[in-house]
C-alpha atoms as a PDB file:
ATOM      1  CA  MET A   1      33.985  65.837 117.613  1.00  0.00           C
ATOM      2  CA  ASN A   2      37.415  64.184 117.643  1.00  0.00           C
ATOM      3  CA  GLN A   3      37.952  65.185 114.017  1.00  0.00           C
ATOM      4  CA  LEU A   4      37.125  68.814 114.838  1.00  0.00           C
ATOM      5  CA  ILE A   5      39.505  68.824 117.813  1.00  0.00           C
ATOM      6  CA  SER A   6      42.206  67.322 115.606  1.00  0.00           C
ATOM      7  CA  LYS A   7      41.673  70.013 112.945  1.00  0.00           C
ATOM      8  CA  LEU A   8      41.801  72.728 115.603  1.00  0.00           C
ATOM      9  CA  GLY A   9      45.129  71.290 116.736  1.00  0.00           C
ATOM     10  CA  GLU A  10      46.455  71.270 113.172  1.00  0.00           C
ATOM     11  CA  ALA A  11      45.421  74.923 112.890  1.00  0.00           C
ATOM     12  CA  GLY A  12      47.397  75.761 116.036  1.00  0.00           C
ATOM     13  CA  LEU A  13      44.313  76.575 118.088  1.00  0.00           C
ATOM     14  CA  LEU A  14      44.956  74.109 120.921  1.00  0.00           C
ATOM     15  CA  ILE A  15      47.024  75.341 123.850  1.00  0.00           C
ATOM     16  CA  ASN A  16      47.931  74.138 127.338  1.00  0.00           C
ATOM     17  CA  ASP A  17      48.986  70.707 126.059  1.00  0.00           C
ATOM     18  CA  GLY A  18      45.778  70.410 124.054  1.00  0.00           C
ATOM     19  CA  ALA A  19      43.452  71.054 126.996  1.00  0.00           C
ATOM     20  CA  THR A  20      42.231  74.447 125.795  1.00  0.00           C
ATOM     21  CA  ILE A  21      40.897  75.843 122.522  1.00  0.00           C
ATOM     22  CA  ARG A  22      42.064  79.348 121.646  1.00  0.00           C
ATOM     23  CA  LEU A  23      38.970  81.047 120.239  1.00  0.00           C
ATOM     24  CA  ASP A  24      40.681  84.358 119.484  1.00  0.00           C
ATOM     25  CA  ALA A  25      43.515  86.439 120.903  1.00  0.00           C
ATOM     26  CA  LEU A  26      41.735  86.990 124.219  1.00  0.00           C
ATOM     27  CA  GLN A  27      39.238  84.147 124.589  1.00  0.00           C
ATOM     28  CA  MET A  28      39.737  80.466 125.292  1.00  0.00           C
ATOM     29  CA  VAL A  29      37.553  77.543 126.302  1.00  0.00           C
ATOM     30  CA  ASP A  30      38.516  74.337 128.052  1.00  0.00           C
ATOM     31  CA  ILE A  31      37.976  71.316 125.794  1.00  0.00           C
ATOM     32  CA  VAL A  32      35.928  69.592 128.505  1.00  0.00           C
ATOM     33  CA  ASP A  33      33.564  72.566 128.639  1.00  0.00           C
ATOM     34  CA  PHE A  34      33.417  72.834 124.840  1.00  0.00           C
ATOM     35  CA  GLU A  35      32.558  69.144 124.563  1.00  0.00           C
ATOM     36  CA  SER A  36      29.855  69.509 127.219  1.00  0.00           C
ATOM     37  CA  PHE A  37      28.246  72.216 125.046  1.00  0.00           C
ATOM     38  CA  PHE A  38      28.788  70.669 121.615  1.00  0.00           C
ATOM     39  CA  GLY A  39      29.873  67.034 122.091  1.00  0.00           C
ATOM     40  CA  SER A  40      26.507  65.663 121.003  1.00  0.00           C
ATOM     41  CA  THR A  41      27.035  67.154 117.516  1.00  0.00           C
ATOM     42  CA  ASP A  42      28.932  65.628 114.636  1.00  0.00           C
ATOM     43  CA  GLY A  43      31.232  68.666 114.608  1.00  0.00           C
ATOM     44  CA  SER A  44      29.744  70.079 111.402  1.00  0.00           C
ATOM     45  CA  TYR A  45      29.156  73.794 111.020  1.00  0.00           C
ATOM     46  CA  ALA A  46      25.372  73.350 110.826  1.00  0.00           C
ATOM     47  CA  GLN A  47      25.130  71.197 113.940  1.00  0.00           C
ATOM     48  CA  LEU A  48      27.519  73.371 115.945  1.00  0.00           C
ATOM     49  CA  CYS A  49      25.482  76.472 115.077  1.00  0.00           C
ATOM     50  CA  ALA A  50      22.238  74.684 115.975  1.00  0.00           C
ATOM     51  CA  ALA A  51      23.705  73.601 119.329  1.00  0.00           C
ATOM     52  CA  ASP A  52      24.839  77.181 119.994  1.00  0.00           C
ATOM     53  CA  ASP A  53      21.152  78.196 120.100  1.00  0.00           C
ATOM     54  CA  ASN A  54      19.728  77.905 123.608  1.00  0.00           C
ATOM     55  CA  GLY A  55      16.187  77.682 122.233  1.00  0.00           C
ATOM     56  CA  ASP A  56      14.958  80.715 124.129  1.00  0.00           C
ATOM     57  CA  GLY A  57      16.176  83.484 121.844  1.00  0.00           C
ATOM     58  CA  THR A  58      19.689  83.451 123.311  1.00  0.00           C
ATOM     59  CA  THR A  59      22.883  81.736 122.207  1.00  0.00           C
ATOM     60  CA  LYS A  60      26.048  80.500 123.862  1.00  0.00           C
ATOM     61  CA  GLY A  61      27.939  82.990 121.671  1.00  0.00           C
ATOM     62  CA  TYR A  62      30.200  80.631 119.745  1.00  0.00           C
ATOM     63  CA  LYS A  63      28.753  81.129 116.243  1.00  0.00           C
ATOM     64  CA  ARG A  64      31.250  83.865 115.380  1.00  0.00           C
ATOM     65  CA  PHE A  65      34.081  81.429 116.099  1.00  0.00           C
ATOM     66  CA  PHE A  66      32.376  78.727 114.030  1.00  0.00           C
ATOM     67  CA  ASP A  67      32.062  81.274 111.204  1.00  0.00           C
ATOM     68  CA  ALA A  68      35.793  82.013 111.438  1.00  0.00           C
ATOM     69  CA  TRP A  69      36.644  78.291 111.518  1.00  0.00           C
ATOM     70  CA  LYS A  70      34.460  77.699 108.474  1.00  0.00           C
ATOM     71  CA  GLN A  71      36.149  80.538 106.607  1.00  0.00           C
ATOM     72  CA  ALA A  72      39.571  79.106 107.561  1.00  0.00           C
ATOM     73  CA  GLY A  73      38.570  75.659 106.225  1.00  0.00           C
ATOM     74  CA  ILE A  74      38.516  73.985 109.632  1.00  0.00           C
ATOM     75  CA  LEU A  75      34.789  73.248 109.368  1.00  0.00           C
END
């Protein structure tokens, strides 16, 4: 997870002194919250997408951001 956070910082996606991830122009998530959702993963695209699935037919809704990060070479 630390490597992912570092890459997000290099891509300019960390704001508020590195406490927040900018997901897109209007959406952000606190790093503490993001790590509570995805911290048990290795930060890979596959594991992040799997952790986004709530297991009941719903998702947390982050896959579109993971897709964008993968396309940008962050993941």
